Amino acid sequence: MRALAKEIASTSARRELTHPGRAPSVAAGPHGRFDATPQEIAHYIGQITAELSTMARKSDLGLLAYFLQMAHAEARTLCRKFEHDAGRHSL
């Protein structure tokens, strides 16, 4: 199973897996909350959905690839919104 995961993961995803401090921790805490900010979670979901969309497309799973690409686009939109809002608050 590990060999398959390493084969599928992109270089950036592998780097994050081998350097846990660089990727947000998305493990659920004691009350079901995640140990990351909404911005970090949106960024992580954007990365994962991009990977999954590519896998689905290469496996001729067109509709699934489409939905994953839509999730990726939404995550990117949220990341840009978070960045824009953070820029406004720092003025």
PDB file of N, CA and C in Angstrom:
ATOM      1  N   MET A   1       0.822  -1.195   0.000  1.00  0.00           N
ATOM      2  CA  MET A   1       0.000   0.000   0.000  1.00  0.00           C
ATOM      3  C   MET A   1       0.868   1.262   0.000  1.00  0.00           C
ATOM      4  N   ARG A   2       1.952   1.246   0.798  1.00  0.00           N
ATOM      5  CA  ARG A   2       2.849   2.396   0.829  1.00  0.00           C
ATOM      6  C   ARG A   2       3.471   2.678  -0.517  1.00  0.00           C
ATOM      7  N   ALA A   3       3.846   1.613  -1.227  1.00  0.00           N
ATOM      8  CA  ALA A   3       4.461   1.795  -2.544  1.00  0.00           C
ATOM      9  C   ALA A   3       3.486   2.482  -3.489  1.00  0.00           C
ATOM     10  N   LEU A   4       2.232   2.088  -3.433  1.00  0.00           N
ATOM     11  CA  LEU A   4       1.221   2.702  -4.288  1.00  0.00           C
ATOM     12  C   LEU A   4       1.039   4.171  -3.920  1.00  0.00           C
ATOM     13  N   ALA A   5       0.986   4.486  -2.639  1.00  0.00           N
ATOM     14  CA  ALA A   5       0.815   5.875  -2.205  1.00  0.00           C
ATOM     15  C   ALA A   5       1.988   6.738  -2.664  1.00  0.00           C
ATOM     16  N   LYS A   6       3.205   6.225  -2.542  1.00  0.00           N
ATOM     17  CA  LYS A   6       4.373   6.983  -2.978  1.00  0.00           C
ATOM     18  C   LYS A   6       4.372   7.185  -4.481  1.00  0.00           C
ATOM     19  N   GLU A   7       3.900   6.178  -5.204  1.00  0.00           N
ATOM     20  CA  GLU A   7       3.867   6.264  -6.662  1.00  0.00           C
ATOM     21  C   GLU A   7       2.883   7.330  -7.122  1.00  0.00           C
ATOM     22  N   ILE A   8       1.762   7.424  -6.443  1.00  0.00           N
ATOM     23  CA  ILE A   8       0.697   8.340  -6.847  1.00  0.00           C
ATOM     24  C   ILE A   8       1.011   9.776  -6.437  1.00  0.00           C
ATOM     25  N   ALA A   9       1.609   9.949  -5.280  1.00  0.00           N
ATOM     26  CA  ALA A   9       1.844  11.299  -4.744  1.00  0.00           C
ATOM     27  C   ALA A   9       2.808  12.081  -5.630  1.00  0.00           C
ATOM     28  N   SER A  10       2.541  13.352  -5.758  1.00  0.00           N
ATOM     29  CA  SER A  10       3.434  14.222  -6.523  1.00  0.00           C
ATOM     30  C   SER A  10       4.666  14.541  -5.693  1.00  0.00           C
ATOM     31  N   THR A  11       5.631  15.174  -6.298  1.00  0.00           N
ATOM     32  CA  THR A  11       6.848  15.555  -5.582  1.00  0.00           C
ATOM     33  C   THR A  11       6.526  16.451  -4.402  1.00  0.00           C
ATOM     34  N   SER A  12       5.656  17.425  -4.605  1.00  0.00           N
ATOM     35  CA  SER A  12       5.320  18.331  -3.498  1.00  0.00           C
ATOM     36  C   SER A  12       4.582  17.606  -2.388  1.00  0.00           C
ATOM     37  N   ALA A  13       3.680  16.707  -2.743  1.00  0.00           N
ATOM     38  CA  ALA A  13       2.955  15.955  -1.723  1.00  0.00           C
ATOM     39  C   ALA A  13       3.905  15.058  -0.951  1.00  0.00           C
ATOM     40  N   ARG A  14       4.839  14.416  -1.647  1.00  0.00           N
ATOM     41  CA  ARG A  14       5.827  13.571  -0.955  1.00  0.00           C
ATOM     42  C   ARG A  14       6.678  14.404  -0.012  1.00  0.00           C
ATOM     43  N   ARG A  15       7.056  15.604  -0.439  1.00  0.00           N
ATOM     44  CA  ARG A  15       7.857  16.480   0.406  1.00  0.00           C
ATOM     45  C   ARG A  15       7.090  16.824   1.684  1.00  0.00           C
ATOM     46  N   GLU A  16       5.801  17.082   1.549  1.00  0.00           N
ATOM     47  CA  GLU A  16       4.989  17.401   2.726  1.00  0.00           C
ATOM     48  C   GLU A  16       4.840  16.198   3.641  1.00  0.00           C
ATOM     49  N   LEU A  17       4.750  15.011   3.054  1.00  0.00           N
ATOM     50  CA  LEU A  17       4.628  13.814   3.873  1.00  0.00           C
ATOM     51  C   LEU A  17       5.916  13.527   4.639  1.00  0.00           C
ATOM     52  N   THR A  18       7.060  13.824   4.051  1.00  0.00           N
ATOM     53  CA  THR A  18       8.327  13.549   4.714  1.00  0.00           C
ATOM     54  C   THR A  18       8.763  14.675   5.642  1.00  0.00           C
ATOM     55  N   HIS A  19       8.151  15.854   5.521  1.00  0.00           N
ATOM     56  CA  HIS A  19       8.439  16.985   6.404  1.00  0.00           C
ATOM     57  C   HIS A  19       7.127  17.443   7.037  1.00  0.00           C
ATOM     58  N   PRO A  20       6.633  16.708   8.043  1.00  0.00           N
ATOM     59  CA  PRO A  20       5.306  17.000   8.598  1.00  0.00           C
ATOM     60  C   PRO A  20       5.118  18.422   9.103  1.00  0.00           C
ATOM     61  N   GLY A  21       6.178  19.103   9.483  1.00  0.00           N
ATOM     62  CA  GLY A  21       6.042  20.465   9.977  1.00  0.00           C
ATOM     63  C   GLY A  21       5.598  21.437   8.906  1.00  0.00           C
ATOM     64  N   ARG A  22       5.768  21.082   7.648  1.00  0.00           N
ATOM     65  CA  ARG A  22       5.433  21.988   6.543  1.00  0.00           C
ATOM     66  C   ARG A  22       3.984  21.870   6.109  1.00  0.00           C
ATOM     67  N   ALA A  23       3.348  20.741   6.401  1.00  0.00           N
ATOM     68  CA  ALA A  23       1.948  20.555   6.009  1.00  0.00           C
ATOM     69  C   ALA A  23       1.063  20.765   7.235  1.00  0.00           C
ATOM     70  N   PRO A  24      -0.140  21.319   7.049  1.00  0.00           N
ATOM     71  CA  PRO A  24      -1.006  21.500   8.202  1.00  0.00           C
ATOM     72  C   PRO A  24      -1.453  20.154   8.757  1.00  0.00           C
ATOM     73  N   SER A  25      -1.613  20.110  10.057  1.00  0.00           N
ATOM     74  CA  SER A  25      -2.127  18.905  10.689  1.00  0.00           C
ATOM     75  C   SER A  25      -3.639  18.925  10.538  1.00  0.00           C
ATOM     76  N   VAL A  26      -4.177  17.939   9.877  1.00  0.00           N
ATOM     77  CA  VAL A  26      -5.612  17.916   9.663  1.00  0.00           C
ATOM     78  C   VAL A  26      -6.287  16.833  10.490  1.00  0.00           C
ATOM     79  N   ALA A  27      -5.575  16.316  11.494  1.00  0.00           N
ATOM     80  CA  ALA A  27      -6.156  15.310  12.371  1.00  0.00           C
ATOM     81  C   ALA A  27      -7.192  15.969  13.270  1.00  0.00           C
ATOM     82  N   ALA A  28      -8.293  15.279  13.468  1.00  0.00           N
ATOM     83  CA  ALA A  28      -9.351  15.812  14.315  1.00  0.00           C
ATOM     84  C   ALA A  28      -8.933  15.733  15.778  1.00  0.00           C
ATOM     85  N   GLY A  29      -9.206  16.785  16.513  1.00  0.00           N
ATOM     86  CA  GLY A  29      -8.902  16.834  17.939  1.00  0.00           C
ATOM     87  C   GLY A  29      -9.995  16.183  18.759  1.00  0.00           C
ATOM     88  N   PRO A  30      -9.963  16.376  20.065  1.00  0.00           N
ATOM     89  CA  PRO A  30     -10.900  15.700  20.954  1.00  0.00           C
ATOM     90  C   PRO A  30     -12.365  16.067  20.736  1.00  0.00           C
ATOM     91  N   HIS A  31     -12.636  17.247  20.236  1.00  0.00           N
ATOM     92  CA  HIS A  31     -14.024  17.670  20.017  1.00  0.00           C
ATOM     93  C   HIS A  31     -14.398  17.668  18.540  1.00  0.00           C
ATOM     94  N   GLY A  32     -13.661  16.905  17.725  1.00  0.00           N
ATOM     95  CA  GLY A  32     -13.959  16.821  16.303  1.00  0.00           C
ATOM     96  C   GLY A  32     -13.459  18.013  15.510  1.00  0.00           C
ATOM     97  N   ARG A  33     -12.714  18.909  16.144  1.00  0.00           N
ATOM     98  CA  ARG A  33     -12.177  20.074  15.447  1.00  0.00           C
ATOM     99  C   ARG A  33     -10.811  19.742  14.895  1.00  0.00           C
ATOM    100  N   PHE A  34     -10.455  20.437  13.829  1.00  0.00           N
ATOM    101  CA  PHE A  34      -9.168  20.192  13.200  1.00  0.00           C
ATOM    102  C   PHE A  34      -8.121  21.125  13.766  1.00  0.00           C
ATOM    103  N   ASP A  35      -6.898  20.622  13.832  1.00  0.00           N
ATOM    104  CA  ASP A  35      -5.788  21.373  14.400  1.00  0.00           C
ATOM    105  C   ASP A  35      -5.116  22.224  13.324  1.00  0.00           C
ATOM    106  N   ALA A  36      -5.916  23.016  12.619  1.00  0.00           N
ATOM    107  CA  ALA A  36      -5.404  23.892  11.562  1.00  0.00           C
ATOM    108  C   ALA A  36      -6.433  24.992  11.349  1.00  0.00           C
ATOM    109  N   THR A  37      -5.981  26.084  10.764  1.00  0.00           N
ATOM    110  CA  THR A  37      -6.898  27.192  10.471  1.00  0.00           C
ATOM    111  C   THR A  37      -7.732  26.843   9.241  1.00  0.00           C
ATOM    112  N   PRO A  38      -8.869  27.511   9.058  1.00  0.00           N
ATOM    113  CA  PRO A  38      -9.648  27.289   7.836  1.00  0.00           C
ATOM    114  C   PRO A  38      -8.831  27.546   6.568  1.00  0.00           C
ATOM    115  N   GLN A  39      -7.943  28.538   6.603  1.00  0.00           N
ATOM    116  CA  GLN A  39      -7.100  28.824   5.438  1.00  0.00           C
ATOM    117  C   GLN A  39      -6.167  27.652   5.145  1.00  0.00           C
ATOM    118  N   GLU A  40      -5.551  27.086   6.176  1.00  0.00           N
ATOM    119  CA  GLU A  40      -4.657  25.942   5.989  1.00  0.00           C
ATOM    120  C   GLU A  40      -5.423  24.728   5.467  1.00  0.00           C
ATOM    121  N   ILE A  41      -6.610  24.525   5.979  1.00  0.00           N
ATOM    122  CA  ILE A  41      -7.421  23.390   5.534  1.00  0.00           C
ATOM    123  C   ILE A  41      -7.846  23.571   4.081  1.00  0.00           C
ATOM    124  N   ALA A  42      -8.255  24.785   3.702  1.00  0.00           N
ATOM    125  CA  ALA A  42      -8.626  25.049   2.305  1.00  0.00           C
ATOM    126  C   ALA A  42      -7.443  24.810   1.378  1.00  0.00           C
ATOM    127  N   HIS A  43      -6.256  25.237   1.800  1.00  0.00           N
ATOM    128  CA  HIS A  43      -5.052  25.029   0.996  1.00  0.00           C
ATOM    129  C   HIS A  43      -4.770  23.531   0.835  1.00  0.00           C
ATOM    130  N   TYR A  44      -4.862  22.796   1.921  1.00  0.00           N
ATOM    131  CA  TYR A  44      -4.624  21.361   1.902  1.00  0.00           C
ATOM    132  C   TYR A  44      -5.642  20.649   1.003  1.00  0.00           C
ATOM    133  N   ILE A  45      -6.901  21.002   1.140  1.00  0.00           N
ATOM    134  CA  ILE A  45      -7.946  20.397   0.309  1.00  0.00           C
ATOM    135  C   ILE A  45      -7.701  20.725  -1.159  1.00  0.00           C
ATOM    136  N   GLY A  46      -7.260  21.936  -1.449  1.00  0.00           N
ATOM    137  CA  GLY A  46      -6.931  22.309  -2.826  1.00  0.00           C
ATOM    138  C   GLY A  46      -5.837  21.429  -3.405  1.00  0.00           C
ATOM    139  N   GLN A  47      -4.800  21.166  -2.605  1.00  0.00           N
ATOM    140  CA  GLN A  47      -3.708  20.306  -3.070  1.00  0.00           C
ATOM    141  C   GLN A  47      -4.193  18.876  -3.315  1.00  0.00           C
ATOM    142  N   ILE A  48      -4.926  18.349  -2.363  1.00  0.00           N
ATOM    143  CA  ILE A  48      -5.374  16.955  -2.457  1.00  0.00           C
ATOM    144  C   ILE A  48      -6.352  16.773  -3.611  1.00  0.00           C
ATOM    145  N   THR A  49      -7.295  17.699  -3.774  1.00  0.00           N
ATOM    146  CA  THR A  49      -8.265  17.545  -4.856  1.00  0.00           C
ATOM    147  C   THR A  49      -7.605  17.668  -6.229  1.00  0.00           C
ATOM    148  N   ALA A  50      -6.547  18.469  -6.327  1.00  0.00           N
ATOM    149  CA  ALA A  50      -5.817  18.557  -7.602  1.00  0.00           C
ATOM    150  C   ALA A  50      -5.193  17.206  -7.929  1.00  0.00           C
ATOM    151  N   GLU A  51      -4.583  16.583  -6.928  1.00  0.00           N
ATOM    152  CA  GLU A  51      -3.976  15.257  -7.118  1.00  0.00           C
ATOM    153  C   GLU A  51      -5.035  14.221  -7.492  1.00  0.00           C
ATOM    154  N   LEU A  52      -6.136  14.224  -6.761  1.00  0.00           N
ATOM    155  CA  LEU A  52      -7.192  13.238  -7.016  1.00  0.00           C
ATOM    156  C   LEU A  52      -7.851  13.454  -8.375  1.00  0.00           C
ATOM    157  N   SER A  53      -8.016  14.704  -8.766  1.00  0.00           N
ATOM    158  CA  SER A  53      -8.595  15.004 -10.067  1.00  0.00           C
ATOM    159  C   SER A  53      -7.714  14.456 -11.186  1.00  0.00           C
ATOM    160  N   THR A  54      -6.407  14.643 -11.054  1.00  0.00           N
ATOM    161  CA  THR A  54      -5.471  14.112 -12.048  1.00  0.00           C
ATOM    162  C   THR A  54      -5.560  12.592 -12.111  1.00  0.00           C
ATOM    163  N   MET A  55      -5.614  11.959 -10.957  1.00  0.00           N
ATOM    164  CA  MET A  55      -5.732  10.495 -10.923  1.00  0.00           C
ATOM    165  C   MET A  55      -7.018  10.037 -11.607  1.00  0.00           C
ATOM    166  N   ALA A  56      -8.120  10.716 -11.294  1.00  0.00           N
ATOM    167  CA  ALA A  56      -9.414  10.342 -11.878  1.00  0.00           C
ATOM    168  C   ALA A  56      -9.399  10.530 -13.394  1.00  0.00           C
ATOM    169  N   ARG A  57      -8.842  11.656 -13.857  1.00  0.00           N
ATOM    170  CA  ARG A  57      -8.786  11.926 -15.290  1.00  0.00           C
ATOM    171  C   ARG A  57      -7.960  10.865 -16.009  1.00  0.00           C
ATOM    172  N   LYS A  58      -6.807  10.496 -15.434  1.00  0.00           N
ATOM    173  CA  LYS A  58      -5.937   9.486 -16.050  1.00  0.00           C
ATOM    174  C   LYS A  58      -6.566   8.102 -16.028  1.00  0.00           C
ATOM    175  N   SER A  59      -7.556   7.908 -15.155  1.00  0.00           N
ATOM    176  CA  SER A  59      -8.249   6.623 -15.075  1.00  0.00           C
ATOM    177  C   SER A  59      -9.575   6.635 -15.819  1.00  0.00           C
ATOM    178  N   ASP A  60      -9.779   7.664 -16.649  1.00  0.00           N
ATOM    179  CA  ASP A  60     -11.010   7.810 -17.435  1.00  0.00           C
ATOM    180  C   ASP A  60     -12.267   7.869 -16.566  1.00  0.00           C
ATOM    181  N   LEU A  61     -12.156   8.565 -15.445  1.00  0.00           N
ATOM    182  CA  LEU A  61     -13.296   8.785 -14.559  1.00  0.00           C
ATOM    183  C   LEU A  61     -13.687  10.253 -14.673  1.00  0.00           C
ATOM    184  N   GLY A  62     -14.228  10.594 -15.846  1.00  0.00           N
ATOM    185  CA  GLY A  62     -14.471  11.983 -16.214  1.00  0.00           C
ATOM    186  C   GLY A  62     -15.330  12.773 -15.254  1.00  0.00           C
ATOM    187  N   LEU A  63     -16.469  12.234 -14.849  1.00  0.00           N
ATOM    188  CA  LEU A  63     -17.364  12.980 -13.978  1.00  0.00           C
ATOM    189  C   LEU A  63     -16.733  13.185 -12.599  1.00  0.00           C
ATOM    190  N   LEU A  64     -16.082  12.167 -12.089  1.00  0.00           N
ATOM    191  CA  LEU A  64     -15.397  12.298 -10.807  1.00  0.00           C
ATOM    192  C   LEU A  64     -14.268  13.327 -10.902  1.00  0.00           C
ATOM    193  N   ALA A  65     -13.511  13.304 -11.990  1.00  0.00           N
ATOM    194  CA  ALA A  65     -12.447  14.286 -12.205  1.00  0.00           C
ATOM    195  C   ALA A  65     -13.032  15.702 -12.233  1.00  0.00           C
ATOM    196  N   TYR A  66     -14.181  15.858 -12.875  1.00  0.00           N
ATOM    197  CA  TYR A  66     -14.837  17.165 -12.952  1.00  0.00           C
ATOM    198  C   TYR A  66     -15.204  17.675 -11.561  1.00  0.00           C
ATOM    199  N   PHE A  67     -15.852  16.825 -10.754  1.00  0.00           N
ATOM    200  CA  PHE A  67     -16.257  17.248  -9.409  1.00  0.00           C
ATOM    201  C   PHE A  67     -15.041  17.580  -8.541  1.00  0.00           C
ATOM    202  N   LEU A  68     -13.994  16.796  -8.670  1.00  0.00           N
ATOM    203  CA  LEU A  68     -12.777  17.076  -7.906  1.00  0.00           C
ATOM    204  C   LEU A  68     -12.141  18.383  -8.371  1.00  0.00           C
ATOM    205  N   GLN A  69     -12.181  18.663  -9.665  1.00  0.00           N
ATOM    206  CA  GLN A  69     -11.646  19.923 -10.182  1.00  0.00           C
ATOM    207  C   GLN A  69     -12.471  21.098  -9.674  1.00  0.00           C
ATOM    208  N   MET A  70     -13.789  20.923  -9.557  1.00  0.00           N
ATOM    209  CA  MET A  70     -14.636  21.980  -9.001  1.00  0.00           C
ATOM    210  C   MET A  70     -14.291  22.226  -7.535  1.00  0.00           C
ATOM    211  N   ALA A  71     -14.050  21.164  -6.769  1.00  0.00           N
ATOM    212  CA  ALA A  71     -13.644  21.314  -5.365  1.00  0.00           C
ATOM    213  C   ALA A  71     -12.295  22.025  -5.282  1.00  0.00           C
ATOM    214  N   HIS A  72     -11.387  21.695  -6.196  1.00  0.00           N
ATOM    215  CA  HIS A  72     -10.079  22.346  -6.241  1.00  0.00           C
ATOM    216  C   HIS A  72     -10.242  23.839  -6.532  1.00  0.00           C
ATOM    217  N   ALA A  73     -11.081  24.177  -7.483  1.00  0.00           N
ATOM    218  CA  ALA A  73     -11.309  25.586  -7.829  1.00  0.00           C
ATOM    219  C   ALA A  73     -11.920  26.341  -6.651  1.00  0.00           C
ATOM    220  N   GLU A  74     -12.846  25.726  -5.947  1.00  0.00           N
ATOM    221  CA  GLU A  74     -13.465  26.371  -4.785  1.00  0.00           C
ATOM    222  C   GLU A  74     -12.430  26.589  -3.676  1.00  0.00           C
ATOM    223  N   ALA A  75     -11.584  25.608  -3.452  1.00  0.00           N
ATOM    224  CA  ALA A  75     -10.537  25.739  -2.427  1.00  0.00           C
ATOM    225  C   ALA A  75      -9.586  26.874  -2.781  1.00  0.00           C
ATOM    226  N   ARG A  76      -9.199  26.989  -4.045  1.00  0.00           N
ATOM    227  CA  ARG A  76      -8.318  28.082  -4.479  1.00  0.00           C
ATOM    228  C   ARG A  76      -8.987  29.443  -4.296  1.00  0.00           C
ATOM    229  N   THR A  77     -10.277  29.517  -4.618  1.00  0.00           N
ATOM    230  CA  THR A  77     -11.031  30.754  -4.434  1.00  0.00           C
ATOM    231  C   THR A  77     -11.040  31.158  -2.968  1.00  0.00           C
ATOM    232  N   LEU A  78     -11.278  30.187  -2.088  1.00  0.00           N
ATOM    233  CA  LEU A  78     -11.276  30.478  -0.653  1.00  0.00           C
ATOM    234  C   LEU A  78      -9.904  30.927  -0.174  1.00  0.00           C
ATOM    235  N   CYS A  79      -8.854  30.293  -0.670  1.00  0.00           N
ATOM    236  CA  CYS A  79      -7.491  30.693  -0.284  1.00  0.00           C
ATOM    237  C   CYS A  79      -7.218  32.134  -0.681  1.00  0.00           C
ATOM    238  N   ARG A  80      -7.618  32.504  -1.901  1.00  0.00           N
ATOM    239  CA  ARG A  80      -7.425  33.890  -2.352  1.00  0.00           C
ATOM    240  C   ARG A  80      -8.237  34.856  -1.485  1.00  0.00           C
ATOM    241  N   LYS A  81      -9.454  34.460  -1.112  1.00  0.00           N
ATOM    242  CA  LYS A  81     -10.295  35.298  -0.251  1.00  0.00           C
ATOM    243  C   LYS A  81      -9.633  35.477   1.111  1.00  0.00           C
ATOM    244  N   PHE A  82      -9.131  34.387   1.691  1.00  0.00           N
ATOM    245  CA  PHE A  82      -8.449  34.485   2.983  1.00  0.00           C
ATOM    246  C   PHE A  82      -7.240  35.417   2.885  1.00  0.00           C
ATOM    247  N   GLU A  83      -6.468  35.293   1.813  1.00  0.00           N
ATOM    248  CA  GLU A  83      -5.289  36.145   1.633  1.00  0.00           C
ATOM    249  C   GLU A  83      -5.690  37.608   1.475  1.00  0.00           C
ATOM    250  N   HIS A  84      -6.750  37.847   0.703  1.00  0.00           N
ATOM    251  CA  HIS A  84      -7.235  39.212   0.489  1.00  0.00           C
ATOM    252  C   HIS A  84      -7.716  39.805   1.808  1.00  0.00           C
ATOM    253  N   ASP A  85      -8.498  39.030   2.569  1.00  0.00           N
ATOM    254  CA  ASP A  85      -9.007  39.506   3.857  1.00  0.00           C
ATOM    255  C   ASP A  85      -7.878  39.769   4.841  1.00  0.00           C
ATOM    256  N   ALA A  86      -6.848  38.920   4.828  1.00  0.00           N
ATOM    257  CA  ALA A  86      -5.706  39.120   5.720  1.00  0.00           C
ATOM    258  C   ALA A  86      -4.950  40.392   5.340  1.00  0.00           C
ATOM    259  N   GLY A  87      -4.847  40.664   4.045  1.00  0.00           N
ATOM    260  CA  GLY A  87      -4.190  41.882   3.575  1.00  0.00           C
ATOM    261  C   GLY A  87      -4.942  43.138   3.977  1.00  0.00           C
ATOM    262  N   ARG A  88      -6.247  43.073   3.943  1.00  0.00           N
ATOM    263  CA  ARG A  88      -7.072  44.219   4.336  1.00  0.00           C
ATOM    264  C   ARG A  88      -6.954  44.513   5.835  1.00  0.00           C
ATOM    265  N   HIS A  89      -6.885  43.438   6.639  1.00  0.00           N
ATOM    266  CA  HIS A  89      -6.821  43.615   8.088  1.00  0.00           C
ATOM    267  C   HIS A  89      -5.459  44.090   8.563  1.00  0.00           C
ATOM    268  N   SER A  90      -4.427  43.863   7.741  1.00  0.00           N
ATOM    269  CA  SER A  90      -3.088  44.268   8.160  1.00  0.00           C
ATOM    270  C   SER A  90      -2.788  45.742   7.841  1.00  0.00           C
ATOM    271  N   LEU A  91      -3.697  46.404   7.151  1.00  0.00           N
ATOM    272  CA  LEU A  91      -3.474  47.817   6.781  1.00  0.00           C
ATOM    273  C   LEU A  91      -3.692  48.731   7.943  1.00  0.00           C
TER     274      LEU A  91
END
